Amino acid sequence: MKKIESRKKDHIDLVLKKGAQYSKSTGLDHVDFVHNALPEMSLEAVNLSTTFFGKSLKFPVIVTAMTGGYKDAKAINRKLAACAQKCGFGLGLGSQRAMIENPTLTSTYVVRDAAPDVPIISNIGAFQLKRYSIDQLESLVSSVKADGLAIHLNPLQEIVQMEGDTDFSGILDAISKVCASLSVPVIVKETGAGLNQEVAIKLKDAGVKYLDVAGAGGTSWSKVEYMRSTAIPGFEEWGIPTMDSIIQCRGILPLVASGGIRTGIDGAKSIALGADMCGAAYPFIKAIKAGNLDTFAETFQKQMAICAYLTGSKTLSDLKKAKLFIH
């Protein structure tokens, strides 16, 4: 169990100290909004509110899964939860495998009291579905009063991780069984290497209700694992860029765009490309380290609102139809 706790701490430390970012782009730097010089509206008229996992949000933003399962994670998750509640964002918890194997770590994930009104999403790795029962997964969700369960796909990270699981056979069937039996809806997310259209369709057919593309261009978890151990080199830049993953997966299921989303402008672009929500993790954890989490979150909100204003978009539905050019 100590190995899991140590790994969780290593992941946060390496991301913050070493960056571990993809060298290649998300593709969003090749996307621009068509400027509307006559928006015929006020900035105050912009309303990007939406619903996600049955709860209302002020903005179509989720602070995506980051951490949990070691002592310092409790403070991080509580800060993120308070920020999500204040800003009207959703919140994803880090992988909860650690608390299944060591229930004393449950408190590092429990944040509902700090975020009573926004959706909170539990999290487990797809590989672990072959080990844990539906009752264990129900307990996972109920113990943190979550509104849904995220199942994360991370074959790239696992293949270069010294403790990694390298047999992903039977995963789709396991996901299907969870979707059929669990009392809350399921979102399936990648962990930074992206989803393609074929996988998205298979997940929809399996009963998944939401997708998170988590494309390449942000944090490279293969780079993180290379920093921790020696593995077969050459996969530091593997993955589908976020822009391409959004385009492949849009329209199949309600879609979250994450992976290298660093600003509200990136988030707005991803929604205009076809996502329903945007998600980010790295810039929020960086803001915690810098001591300016609230300021960063407020800026993110304002950037999204200004993108809407400068495209004449009053609502999220309007922003989804905003004109873009790709160069």
C-alpha atoms as a PDB file:
ATOM      1  CA  MET A   1       0.000   0.000   0.000  1.00  0.00           C
ATOM      2  CA  LYS A   2       2.856   2.352   0.742  1.00  0.00           C
ATOM      3  CA  LYS A   3       3.881   1.982  -2.906  1.00  0.00           C
ATOM      4  CA  ILE A   4       0.575   3.478  -4.063  1.00  0.00           C
ATOM      5  CA  GLU A   5       0.786   6.348  -1.563  1.00  0.00           C
ATOM      6  CA  SER A   6       4.359   7.056  -2.621  1.00  0.00           C
ATOM      7  CA  ARG A   7       3.434   6.967  -6.293  1.00  0.00           C
ATOM      8  CA  LYS A   8       0.579   9.446  -5.778  1.00  0.00           C
ATOM      9  CA  LYS A   9       2.949  11.856  -4.074  1.00  0.00           C
ATOM     10  CA  ASP A  10       5.604  11.332  -6.766  1.00  0.00           C
ATOM     11  CA  HIS A  11       3.110  12.179  -9.492  1.00  0.00           C
ATOM     12  CA  ILE A  12       2.161  15.556  -8.008  1.00  0.00           C
ATOM     13  CA  ASP A  13       5.755  16.426  -7.115  1.00  0.00           C
ATOM     14  CA  LEU A  14       7.097  15.587 -10.570  1.00  0.00           C
ATOM     15  CA  VAL A  15       4.335  17.451 -12.402  1.00  0.00           C
ATOM     16  CA  LEU A  16       4.876  20.565 -10.277  1.00  0.00           C
ATOM     17  CA  LYS A  17       8.678  20.476 -10.203  1.00  0.00           C
ATOM     18  CA  LYS A  18       9.494  19.069 -13.635  1.00  0.00           C
ATOM     19  CA  GLY A  19       6.423  20.049 -15.678  1.00  0.00           C
ATOM     20  CA  ALA A  20       6.339  16.824 -17.715  1.00  0.00           C
ATOM     21  CA  GLN A  21       4.424  18.491 -20.527  1.00  0.00           C
ATOM     22  CA  TYR A  22       4.075  17.260 -24.091  1.00  0.00           C
ATOM     23  CA  SER A  23       6.326  19.022 -26.574  1.00  0.00           C
ATOM     24  CA  LYS A  24       3.639  18.744 -29.229  1.00  0.00           C
ATOM     25  CA  SER A  25       0.626  21.020 -29.226  1.00  0.00           C
ATOM     26  CA  THR A  26      -2.979  20.311 -28.314  1.00  0.00           C
ATOM     27  CA  GLY A  27      -3.798  21.796 -31.720  1.00  0.00           C
ATOM     28  CA  LEU A  28      -5.835  24.567 -30.098  1.00  0.00           C
ATOM     29  CA  ASP A  29      -3.140  27.100 -30.993  1.00  0.00           C
ATOM     30  CA  HIS A  30      -4.207  26.535 -34.620  1.00  0.00           C
ATOM     31  CA  VAL A  31      -7.807  27.490 -33.809  1.00  0.00           C
ATOM     32  CA  ASP A  32      -9.092  31.071 -33.675  1.00  0.00           C
ATOM     33  CA  PHE A  33     -12.532  32.556 -33.223  1.00  0.00           C
ATOM     34  CA  VAL A  34     -13.927  34.713 -35.988  1.00  0.00           C
ATOM     35  CA  HIS A  35     -14.116  38.105 -34.291  1.00  0.00           C
ATOM     36  CA  ASN A  36     -17.547  39.727 -34.219  1.00  0.00           C
ATOM     37  CA  ALA A  37     -17.095  43.507 -34.290  1.00  0.00           C
ATOM     38  CA  LEU A  38     -20.848  43.995 -33.753  1.00  0.00           C
ATOM     39  CA  PRO A  39     -21.798  41.646 -30.930  1.00  0.00           C
ATOM     40  CA  GLU A  40     -24.984  43.684 -30.200  1.00  0.00           C
ATOM     41  CA  MET A  41     -24.995  42.632 -26.552  1.00  0.00           C
ATOM     42  CA  SER A  42     -23.361  43.470 -23.239  1.00  0.00           C
ATOM     43  CA  LEU A  43     -20.756  41.366 -21.481  1.00  0.00           C
ATOM     44  CA  GLU A  44     -23.171  41.094 -18.553  1.00  0.00           C
ATOM     45  CA  ALA A  45     -25.655  39.335 -20.850  1.00  0.00           C
ATOM     46  CA  VAL A  46     -23.340  36.337 -21.236  1.00  0.00           C
ATOM     47  CA  ASN A  47     -24.659  33.283 -19.390  1.00  0.00           C
ATOM     48  CA  LEU A  48     -22.680  30.082 -19.906  1.00  0.00           C
ATOM     49  CA  SER A  49     -24.488  28.073 -17.235  1.00  0.00           C
ATOM     50  CA  THR A  50     -25.209  24.406 -17.868  1.00  0.00           C
ATOM     51  CA  THR A  51     -25.969  21.128 -16.103  1.00  0.00           C
ATOM     52  CA  PHE A  52     -23.551  18.268 -15.595  1.00  0.00           C
ATOM     53  CA  PHE A  53     -24.331  14.978 -13.846  1.00  0.00           C
ATOM     54  CA  GLY A  54     -27.705  16.457 -12.952  1.00  0.00           C
ATOM     55  CA  LYS A  55     -26.395  19.544 -11.154  1.00  0.00           C
ATOM     56  CA  SER A  56     -26.268  23.179 -12.193  1.00  0.00           C
ATOM     57  CA  LEU A  57     -22.977  24.871 -13.050  1.00  0.00           C
ATOM     58  CA  LYS A  58     -22.259  28.550 -13.614  1.00  0.00           C
ATOM     59  CA  PHE A  59     -19.665  27.692 -16.264  1.00  0.00           C
ATOM     60  CA  PRO A  60     -19.078  24.573 -18.404  1.00  0.00           C
ATOM     61  CA  VAL A  61     -15.867  23.742 -16.541  1.00  0.00           C
ATOM     62  CA  ILE A  62     -14.706  20.743 -14.551  1.00  0.00           C
ATOM     63  CA  VAL A  63     -11.579  20.723 -12.417  1.00  0.00           C
ATOM     64  CA  THR A  64     -10.462  17.309 -13.567  1.00  0.00           C
ATOM     65  CA  ALA A  65      -9.001  14.455 -11.545  1.00  0.00           C
ATOM     66  CA  MET A  66      -5.715  15.205  -9.862  1.00  0.00           C
ATOM     67  CA  THR A  67      -4.904  13.485  -6.629  1.00  0.00           C
ATOM     68  CA  GLY A  68      -5.829  11.633  -3.458  1.00  0.00           C
ATOM     69  CA  GLY A  69      -4.522   8.707  -1.449  1.00  0.00           C
ATOM     70  CA  TYR A  70      -1.676  10.343   0.464  1.00  0.00           C
ATOM     71  CA  LYS A  71      -1.526  12.775   3.360  1.00  0.00           C
ATOM     72  CA  ASP A  72      -0.969  16.053   1.497  1.00  0.00           C
ATOM     73  CA  ALA A  73      -3.716  15.299  -1.031  1.00  0.00           C
ATOM     74  CA  LYS A  74      -6.418  16.115   1.513  1.00  0.00           C
ATOM     75  CA  ALA A  75      -5.496  19.814   1.619  1.00  0.00           C
ATOM     76  CA  ILE A  76      -5.201  19.986  -2.182  1.00  0.00           C
ATOM     77  CA  ASN A  77      -8.611  18.404  -2.768  1.00  0.00           C
ATOM     78  CA  ARG A  78     -10.311  20.621  -0.211  1.00  0.00           C
ATOM     79  CA  LYS A  79      -8.884  23.756  -1.838  1.00  0.00           C
ATOM     80  CA  LEU A  80     -10.039  22.558  -5.250  1.00  0.00           C
ATOM     81  CA  ALA A  81     -13.494  21.734  -3.873  1.00  0.00           C
ATOM     82  CA  ALA A  82     -13.895  25.174  -2.300  1.00  0.00           C
ATOM     83  CA  CYS A  83     -12.822  26.778  -5.574  1.00  0.00           C
ATOM     84  CA  ALA A  84     -15.263  24.646  -7.576  1.00  0.00           C
ATOM     85  CA  GLN A  85     -18.115  25.558  -5.243  1.00  0.00           C
ATOM     86  CA  LYS A  86     -17.333  29.286  -5.415  1.00  0.00           C
ATOM     87  CA  CYS A  87     -16.982  29.343  -9.201  1.00  0.00           C
ATOM     88  CA  GLY A  88     -19.724  26.891 -10.109  1.00  0.00           C
ATOM     89  CA  PHE A  89     -17.363  24.327 -11.632  1.00  0.00           C
ATOM     90  CA  GLY A  90     -17.553  20.531 -11.456  1.00  0.00           C
ATOM     91  CA  LEU A  91     -14.879  18.562  -9.601  1.00  0.00           C
ATOM     92  CA  GLY A  92     -13.201  15.259 -10.426  1.00  0.00           C
ATOM     93  CA  LEU A  93     -11.398  13.320  -7.719  1.00  0.00           C
ATOM     94  CA  GLY A  94      -8.126  11.479  -8.235  1.00  0.00           C
ATOM     95  CA  SER A  95      -8.052   7.697  -8.539  1.00  0.00           C
ATOM     96  CA  GLN A  96      -9.640   6.135  -5.448  1.00  0.00           C
ATOM     97  CA  ARG A  97      -7.911   2.791  -5.695  1.00  0.00           C
ATOM     98  CA  ALA A  98      -5.780   3.801  -2.721  1.00  0.00           C
ATOM     99  CA  MET A  99      -8.805   4.207  -0.437  1.00  0.00           C
ATOM    100  CA  ILE A 100     -10.215   0.821  -1.444  1.00  0.00           C
ATOM    101  CA  GLU A 101      -6.973  -0.833  -0.460  1.00  0.00           C
ATOM    102  CA  ASN A 102      -6.465   1.352   2.614  1.00  0.00           C
ATOM    103  CA  PRO A 103      -9.734   2.829   3.953  1.00  0.00           C
ATOM    104  CA  THR A 104      -7.817   5.142   6.312  1.00  0.00           C
ATOM    105  CA  LEU A 105      -7.042   7.248   3.217  1.00  0.00           C
ATOM    106  CA  THR A 106     -10.731   7.948   2.536  1.00  0.00           C
ATOM    107  CA  SER A 107     -10.501  11.373   4.198  1.00  0.00           C
ATOM    108  CA  THR A 108      -8.075  12.556   1.488  1.00  0.00           C
ATOM    109  CA  TYR A 109     -10.988  12.379  -0.988  1.00  0.00           C
ATOM    110  CA  VAL A 110     -13.948  13.520   1.124  1.00  0.00           C
ATOM    111  CA  VAL A 111     -14.808  17.089   0.098  1.00  0.00           C
ATOM    112  CA  ARG A 112     -18.597  17.195  -0.260  1.00  0.00           C
ATOM    113  CA  ASP A 113     -18.941  19.551   2.716  1.00  0.00           C
ATOM    114  CA  ALA A 114     -16.685  22.035   0.887  1.00  0.00           C
ATOM    115  CA  ALA A 115     -18.577  21.657  -2.397  1.00  0.00           C
ATOM    116  CA  PRO A 116     -22.208  20.901  -1.506  1.00  0.00           C
ATOM    117  CA  ASP A 117     -23.833  22.137  -4.708  1.00  0.00           C
ATOM    118  CA  VAL A 118     -21.585  21.084  -7.593  1.00  0.00           C
ATOM    119  CA  PRO A 119     -21.091  17.685  -9.227  1.00  0.00           C
ATOM    120  CA  ILE A 120     -18.321  15.574  -7.736  1.00  0.00           C
ATOM    121  CA  ILE A 121     -17.034  12.628  -9.763  1.00  0.00           C
ATOM    122  CA  SER A 122     -15.488   9.521  -8.223  1.00  0.00           C
ATOM    123  CA  ASN A 123     -12.600   7.880 -10.069  1.00  0.00           C
ATOM    124  CA  ILE A 124     -11.176   4.417 -10.631  1.00  0.00           C
ATOM    125  CA  GLY A 125      -8.825   2.932 -13.199  1.00  0.00           C
ATOM    126  CA  ALA A 126     -10.339   0.711 -15.892  1.00  0.00           C
ATOM    127  CA  PHE A 127      -7.921  -2.101 -15.076  1.00  0.00           C
ATOM    128  CA  GLN A 128      -9.201  -2.165 -11.498  1.00  0.00           C
ATOM    129  CA  LEU A 129     -12.710  -3.040 -12.684  1.00  0.00           C
ATOM    130  CA  LYS A 130     -11.473  -6.580 -13.124  1.00  0.00           C
ATOM    131  CA  ARG A 131     -10.556  -6.720  -9.425  1.00  0.00           C
ATOM    132  CA  TYR A 132     -13.323  -4.853  -7.628  1.00  0.00           C
ATOM    133  CA  SER A 133     -16.990  -5.766  -7.251  1.00  0.00           C
ATOM    134  CA  ILE A 134     -19.968  -3.523  -7.995  1.00  0.00           C
ATOM    135  CA  ASP A 135     -20.545  -3.286  -4.229  1.00  0.00           C
ATOM    136  CA  GLN A 136     -17.006  -1.972  -3.771  1.00  0.00           C
ATOM    137  CA  LEU A 137     -17.531   0.592  -6.520  1.00  0.00           C
ATOM    138  CA  GLU A 138     -20.870   1.646  -4.994  1.00  0.00           C
ATOM    139  CA  SER A 139     -19.075   2.146  -1.693  1.00  0.00           C
ATOM    140  CA  LEU A 140     -16.406   4.162  -3.489  1.00  0.00           C
ATOM    141  CA  VAL A 141     -19.047   6.535  -4.850  1.00  0.00           C
ATOM    142  CA  SER A 142     -21.223   6.760  -1.737  1.00  0.00           C
ATOM    143  CA  SER A 143     -18.308   7.344   0.641  1.00  0.00           C
ATOM    144  CA  VAL A 144     -17.555  10.658  -1.080  1.00  0.00           C
ATOM    145  CA  LYS A 145     -21.211  11.412  -1.980  1.00  0.00           C
ATOM    146  CA  ALA A 146     -20.300  11.572  -5.653  1.00  0.00           C
ATOM    147  CA  ASP A 147     -22.728  12.151  -8.504  1.00  0.00           C
ATOM    148  CA  GLY A 148     -21.001   9.801 -10.922  1.00  0.00           C
ATOM    149  CA  LEU A 149     -18.023   7.560 -11.501  1.00  0.00           C
ATOM    150  CA  ALA A 150     -15.122   8.299 -13.833  1.00  0.00           C
ATOM    151  CA  ILE A 151     -13.358   5.268 -15.241  1.00  0.00           C
ATOM    152  CA  HIS A 152      -9.961   6.264 -16.530  1.00  0.00           C
ATOM    153  CA  LEU A 153      -8.176   4.605 -19.422  1.00  0.00           C
ATOM    154  CA  ASN A 154      -4.392   4.781 -19.136  1.00  0.00           C
ATOM    155  CA  PRO A 155      -2.726   1.979 -21.130  1.00  0.00           C
ATOM    156  CA  LEU A 156       0.118   4.299 -22.177  1.00  0.00           C
ATOM    157  CA  GLN A 157       0.934   5.300 -18.604  1.00  0.00           C
ATOM    158  CA  GLU A 158       0.679   1.721 -17.381  1.00  0.00           C
ATOM    159  CA  ILE A 159       2.987   0.345 -20.073  1.00  0.00           C
ATOM    160  CA  VAL A 160       5.845   2.644 -19.012  1.00  0.00           C
ATOM    161  CA  GLN A 161       5.139   2.510 -15.271  1.00  0.00           C
ATOM    162  CA  MET A 162       7.419   0.260 -13.265  1.00  0.00           C
ATOM    163  CA  GLU A 163       4.393  -1.084 -11.343  1.00  0.00           C
ATOM    164  CA  GLY A 164       2.125  -0.916 -14.403  1.00  0.00           C
ATOM    165  CA  ASP A 165      -0.640  -3.268 -15.454  1.00  0.00           C
ATOM    166  CA  THR A 166      -0.187  -4.372 -19.048  1.00  0.00           C
ATOM    167  CA  ASP A 167      -3.176  -6.625 -19.764  1.00  0.00           C
ATOM    168  CA  PHE A 168      -6.119  -4.482 -20.871  1.00  0.00           C
ATOM    169  CA  SER A 169      -8.094  -7.409 -22.270  1.00  0.00           C
ATOM    170  CA  GLY A 170     -11.695  -7.597 -21.079  1.00  0.00           C
ATOM    171  CA  ILE A 171     -11.859  -3.905 -20.160  1.00  0.00           C
ATOM    172  CA  LEU A 172     -14.788  -2.997 -22.432  1.00  0.00           C
ATOM    173  CA  ASP A 173     -16.890  -5.833 -21.044  1.00  0.00           C
ATOM    174  CA  ALA A 174     -16.033  -4.765 -17.492  1.00  0.00           C
ATOM    175  CA  ILE A 175     -17.081  -1.183 -18.270  1.00  0.00           C
ATOM    176  CA  SER A 176     -20.354  -2.430 -19.734  1.00  0.00           C
ATOM    177  CA  LYS A 177     -21.134  -4.423 -16.578  1.00  0.00           C
ATOM    178  CA  VAL A 178     -20.441  -1.399 -14.371  1.00  0.00           C
ATOM    179  CA  CYS A 179     -22.655   0.841 -16.510  1.00  0.00           C
ATOM    180  CA  ALA A 180     -25.488  -1.696 -16.278  1.00  0.00           C
ATOM    181  CA  SER A 181     -25.274  -2.117 -12.506  1.00  0.00           C
ATOM    182  CA  LEU A 182     -23.973   1.050 -10.877  1.00  0.00           C
ATOM    183  CA  SER A 183     -26.502   3.449  -9.335  1.00  0.00           C
ATOM    184  CA  VAL A 184     -24.810   6.549 -10.810  1.00  0.00           C
ATOM    185  CA  PRO A 185     -23.848   7.411 -14.402  1.00  0.00           C
ATOM    186  CA  VAL A 186     -20.383   6.648 -15.749  1.00  0.00           C
ATOM    187  CA  ILE A 187     -17.956   8.933 -17.564  1.00  0.00           C
ATOM    188  CA  VAL A 188     -14.943   7.380 -19.258  1.00  0.00           C
ATOM    189  CA  LYS A 189     -11.838   9.507 -19.607  1.00  0.00           C
ATOM    190  CA  GLU A 190      -8.385   9.075 -21.038  1.00  0.00           C
ATOM    191  CA  THR A 191      -5.440  10.345 -19.032  1.00  0.00           C
ATOM    192  CA  GLY A 192      -3.712  12.506 -21.617  1.00  0.00           C
ATOM    193  CA  ALA A 193      -3.365  10.406 -24.766  1.00  0.00           C
ATOM    194  CA  GLY A 194      -6.829  11.031 -26.216  1.00  0.00           C
ATOM    195  CA  LEU A 195      -9.880   9.079 -27.386  1.00  0.00           C
ATOM    196  CA  ASN A 196     -10.648   8.297 -31.008  1.00  0.00           C
ATOM    197  CA  GLN A 197     -14.030   7.941 -32.692  1.00  0.00           C
ATOM    198  CA  GLU A 198     -14.002   4.150 -32.742  1.00  0.00           C
ATOM    199  CA  VAL A 199     -13.355   3.921 -29.005  1.00  0.00           C
ATOM    200  CA  ALA A 200     -15.997   6.592 -28.313  1.00  0.00           C
ATOM    201  CA  ILE A 201     -18.648   4.622 -30.192  1.00  0.00           C
ATOM    202  CA  LYS A 202     -17.735   1.396 -28.385  1.00  0.00           C
ATOM    203  CA  LEU A 203     -18.044   3.175 -25.034  1.00  0.00           C
ATOM    204  CA  LYS A 204     -21.441   4.601 -25.959  1.00  0.00           C
ATOM    205  CA  ASP A 205     -22.632   1.120 -26.922  1.00  0.00           C
ATOM    206  CA  ALA A 206     -21.353  -0.142 -23.558  1.00  0.00           C
ATOM    207  CA  GLY A 207     -23.654   2.247 -21.698  1.00  0.00           C
ATOM    208  CA  VAL A 208     -21.269   5.065 -20.854  1.00  0.00           C
ATOM    209  CA  LYS A 209     -23.085   8.401 -20.437  1.00  0.00           C
ATOM    210  CA  TYR A 210     -20.233  10.924 -20.804  1.00  0.00           C
ATOM    211  CA  LEU A 211     -16.767  11.028 -22.383  1.00  0.00           C
ATOM    212  CA  ASP A 212     -13.661  13.058 -21.542  1.00  0.00           C
ATOM    213  CA  VAL A 213     -11.177  13.036 -24.419  1.00  0.00           C
ATOM    214  CA  ALA A 214      -8.168  14.051 -22.255  1.00  0.00           C
ATOM    215  CA  GLY A 215      -6.056  14.519 -25.362  1.00  0.00           C
ATOM    216  CA  ALA A 216      -2.341  14.972 -25.868  1.00  0.00           C
ATOM    217  CA  GLY A 217      -0.679  18.346 -25.533  1.00  0.00           C
ATOM    218  CA  GLY A 218      -0.854  18.868 -21.788  1.00  0.00           C
ATOM    219  CA  THR A 219       0.764  16.753 -19.096  1.00  0.00           C
ATOM    220  CA  SER A 220       2.465  13.675 -20.508  1.00  0.00           C
ATOM    221  CA  TRP A 221       2.009  10.874 -18.008  1.00  0.00           C
ATOM    222  CA  SER A 222       4.468   8.743 -19.926  1.00  0.00           C
ATOM    223  CA  LYS A 223       7.081  11.468 -19.278  1.00  0.00           C
ATOM    224  CA  VAL A 224       6.140  11.424 -15.599  1.00  0.00           C
ATOM    225  CA  GLU A 225       6.676   7.669 -15.455  1.00  0.00           C
ATOM    226  CA  TYR A 226       9.970   7.912 -17.364  1.00  0.00           C
ATOM    227  CA  MET A 227      11.134  10.267 -14.612  1.00  0.00           C
ATOM    228  CA  ARG A 228      10.278   7.612 -12.034  1.00  0.00           C
ATOM    229  CA  SER A 229      11.869   4.597 -13.703  1.00  0.00           C
ATOM    230  CA  THR A 230      13.606   3.176 -16.742  1.00  0.00           C
ATOM    231  CA  ALA A 231      11.215   1.875 -19.399  1.00  0.00           C
ATOM    232  CA  ILE A 232      11.224   1.306 -23.157  1.00  0.00           C
ATOM    233  CA  PRO A 233      11.858   4.822 -24.535  1.00  0.00           C
ATOM    234  CA  GLY A 234      10.105   6.591 -27.374  1.00  0.00           C
ATOM    235  CA  PHE A 235       6.569   7.101 -26.091  1.00  0.00           C
ATOM    236  CA  GLU A 236       6.949  10.526 -24.499  1.00  0.00           C
ATOM    237  CA  GLU A 237       4.917  12.191 -27.276  1.00  0.00           C
ATOM    238  CA  TRP A 238       2.454   9.376 -28.038  1.00  0.00           C
ATOM    239  CA  GLY A 239      -1.192  10.403 -28.231  1.00  0.00           C
ATOM    240  CA  ILE A 240      -3.985  12.134 -30.136  1.00  0.00           C
ATOM    241  CA  PRO A 241      -3.852  15.943 -29.812  1.00  0.00           C
ATOM    242  CA  THR A 242      -6.822  17.357 -27.933  1.00  0.00           C
ATOM    243  CA  MET A 243      -8.230  19.254 -30.918  1.00  0.00           C
ATOM    244  CA  ASP A 244      -8.219  16.140 -33.097  1.00  0.00           C
ATOM    245  CA  SER A 245      -9.747  14.040 -30.331  1.00  0.00           C
ATOM    246  CA  ILE A 246     -12.600  16.540 -29.867  1.00  0.00           C
ATOM    247  CA  ILE A 247     -13.330  16.519 -33.601  1.00  0.00           C
ATOM    248  CA  GLN A 248     -13.328  12.712 -33.708  1.00  0.00           C
ATOM    249  CA  CYS A 249     -15.568  12.281 -30.666  1.00  0.00           C
ATOM    250  CA  ARG A 250     -18.016  15.185 -30.897  1.00  0.00           C
ATOM    251  CA  GLY A 251     -21.693  14.336 -31.203  1.00  0.00           C
ATOM    252  CA  ILE A 252     -21.357  10.783 -29.886  1.00  0.00           C
ATOM    253  CA  LEU A 253     -21.985  11.457 -26.194  1.00  0.00           C
ATOM    254  CA  PRO A 254     -21.898  14.570 -23.987  1.00  0.00           C
ATOM    255  CA  LEU A 255     -18.245  15.479 -24.239  1.00  0.00           C
ATOM    256  CA  VAL A 256     -15.658  16.988 -21.914  1.00  0.00           C
ATOM    257  CA  ALA A 257     -12.557  18.424 -23.575  1.00  0.00           C
ATOM    258  CA  SER A 258      -9.433  18.226 -21.444  1.00  0.00           C
ATOM    259  CA  GLY A 259      -5.744  17.733 -22.065  1.00  0.00           C
ATOM    260  CA  GLY A 260      -3.670  20.899 -22.224  1.00  0.00           C
ATOM    261  CA  ILE A 261      -6.552  23.288 -21.480  1.00  0.00           C
ATOM    262  CA  ARG A 262      -4.650  26.113 -19.831  1.00  0.00           C
ATOM    263  CA  THR A 263      -6.956  29.132 -20.131  1.00  0.00           C
ATOM    264  CA  GLY A 264     -10.603  29.990 -20.476  1.00  0.00           C
ATOM    265  CA  ILE A 265      -9.833  30.824 -24.102  1.00  0.00           C
ATOM    266  CA  ASP A 266      -8.668  27.238 -24.674  1.00  0.00           C
ATOM    267  CA  GLY A 267     -11.835  26.057 -22.971  1.00  0.00           C
ATOM    268  CA  ALA A 268     -14.074  28.234 -25.139  1.00  0.00           C
ATOM    269  CA  LYS A 269     -12.313  27.038 -28.298  1.00  0.00           C
ATOM    270  CA  SER A 270     -12.832  23.417 -27.309  1.00  0.00           C
ATOM    271  CA  ILE A 271     -16.559  24.021 -26.837  1.00  0.00           C
ATOM    272  CA  ALA A 272     -16.860  25.745 -30.206  1.00  0.00           C
ATOM    273  CA  LEU A 273     -15.086  22.722 -31.720  1.00  0.00           C
ATOM    274  CA  GLY A 274     -17.773  20.387 -30.405  1.00  0.00           C
ATOM    275  CA  ALA A 275     -17.306  19.728 -26.685  1.00  0.00           C
ATOM    276  CA  ASP A 276     -20.038  20.369 -24.118  1.00  0.00           C
ATOM    277  CA  MET A 277     -17.664  21.048 -21.221  1.00  0.00           C
ATOM    278  CA  CYS A 278     -13.987  21.790 -20.789  1.00  0.00           C
ATOM    279  CA  GLY A 279     -11.728  20.429 -18.093  1.00  0.00           C
ATOM    280  CA  ALA A 280      -8.330  21.250 -16.662  1.00  0.00           C
ATOM    281  CA  ALA A 281      -6.065  20.017 -13.887  1.00  0.00           C
ATOM    282  CA  TYR A 282      -2.473  21.233 -14.315  1.00  0.00           C
ATOM    283  CA  PRO A 283      -3.158  24.989 -14.234  1.00  0.00           C
ATOM    284  CA  PHE A 284      -5.280  24.584 -11.087  1.00  0.00           C
ATOM    285  CA  ILE A 285      -2.604  22.645  -9.203  1.00  0.00           C
ATOM    286  CA  LYS A 286      -0.029  25.196 -10.353  1.00  0.00           C
ATOM    287  CA  ALA A 287      -2.252  27.977  -9.036  1.00  0.00           C
ATOM    288  CA  ILE A 288      -2.467  26.251  -5.657  1.00  0.00           C
ATOM    289  CA  LYS A 289       1.319  26.097  -5.526  1.00  0.00           C
ATOM    290  CA  ALA A 290       1.549  29.795  -6.478  1.00  0.00           C
ATOM    291  CA  GLY A 291      -1.087  30.758  -3.915  1.00  0.00           C
ATOM    292  CA  ASN A 292      -3.438  32.344  -6.452  1.00  0.00           C
ATOM    293  CA  LEU A 293      -6.099  29.669  -7.043  1.00  0.00           C
ATOM    294  CA  ASP A 294      -9.102  31.986  -6.717  1.00  0.00           C
ATOM    295  CA  THR A 295      -7.556  34.601  -8.998  1.00  0.00           C
ATOM    296  CA  PHE A 296      -6.726  32.009 -11.629  1.00  0.00           C
ATOM    297  CA  ALA A 297     -10.242  30.526 -11.528  1.00  0.00           C
ATOM    298  CA  GLU A 298     -11.859  33.956 -11.826  1.00  0.00           C
ATOM    299  CA  THR A 299      -9.619  34.785 -14.792  1.00  0.00           C
ATOM    300  CA  PHE A 300     -10.569  31.483 -16.434  1.00  0.00           C
ATOM    301  CA  GLN A 301     -14.251  32.397 -16.057  1.00  0.00           C
ATOM    302  CA  LYS A 302     -13.748  35.903 -17.442  1.00  0.00           C
ATOM    303  CA  GLN A 303     -11.775  34.611 -20.426  1.00  0.00           C
ATOM    304  CA  MET A 304     -14.602  32.245 -21.365  1.00  0.00           C
ATOM    305  CA  ALA A 305     -17.189  35.013 -20.973  1.00  0.00           C
ATOM    306  CA  ILE A 306     -15.170  37.445 -23.100  1.00  0.00           C
ATOM    307  CA  CYS A 307     -14.785  34.818 -25.855  1.00  0.00           C
ATOM    308  CA  ALA A 308     -18.562  34.487 -25.825  1.00  0.00           C
ATOM    309  CA  TYR A 309     -19.009  38.263 -25.942  1.00  0.00           C
ATOM    310  CA  LEU A 310     -16.557  38.752 -28.815  1.00  0.00           C
ATOM    311  CA  THR A 311     -18.390  36.134 -30.867  1.00  0.00           C
ATOM    312  CA  GLY A 312     -21.855  37.469 -30.063  1.00  0.00           C
ATOM    313  CA  SER A 313     -22.684  34.393 -27.983  1.00  0.00           C
ATOM    314  CA  LYS A 314     -25.068  34.941 -25.084  1.00  0.00           C
ATOM    315  CA  THR A 315     -25.419  31.316 -24.049  1.00  0.00           C
ATOM    316  CA  LEU A 316     -23.466  28.082 -24.089  1.00  0.00           C
ATOM    317  CA  SER A 317     -25.603  26.942 -26.999  1.00  0.00           C
ATOM    318  CA  ASP A 318     -24.574  30.064 -28.905  1.00  0.00           C
ATOM    319  CA  LEU A 319     -20.896  29.512 -28.080  1.00  0.00           C
ATOM    320  CA  LYS A 320     -21.113  25.981 -29.477  1.00  0.00           C
ATOM    321  CA  LYS A 321     -22.094  27.554 -32.802  1.00  0.00           C
ATOM    322  CA  ALA A 322     -19.466  30.338 -32.774  1.00  0.00           C
ATOM    323  CA  LYS A 323     -17.495  30.592 -35.989  1.00  0.00           C
ATOM    324  CA  LEU A 324     -13.899  29.392 -36.033  1.00  0.00           C
ATOM    325  CA  PHE A 325     -11.056  29.214 -38.474  1.00  0.00           C
ATOM    326  CA  ILE A 326      -8.306  26.617 -38.288  1.00  0.00           C
ATOM    327  CA  HIS A 327      -4.908  27.483 -39.711  1.00  0.00           C
END
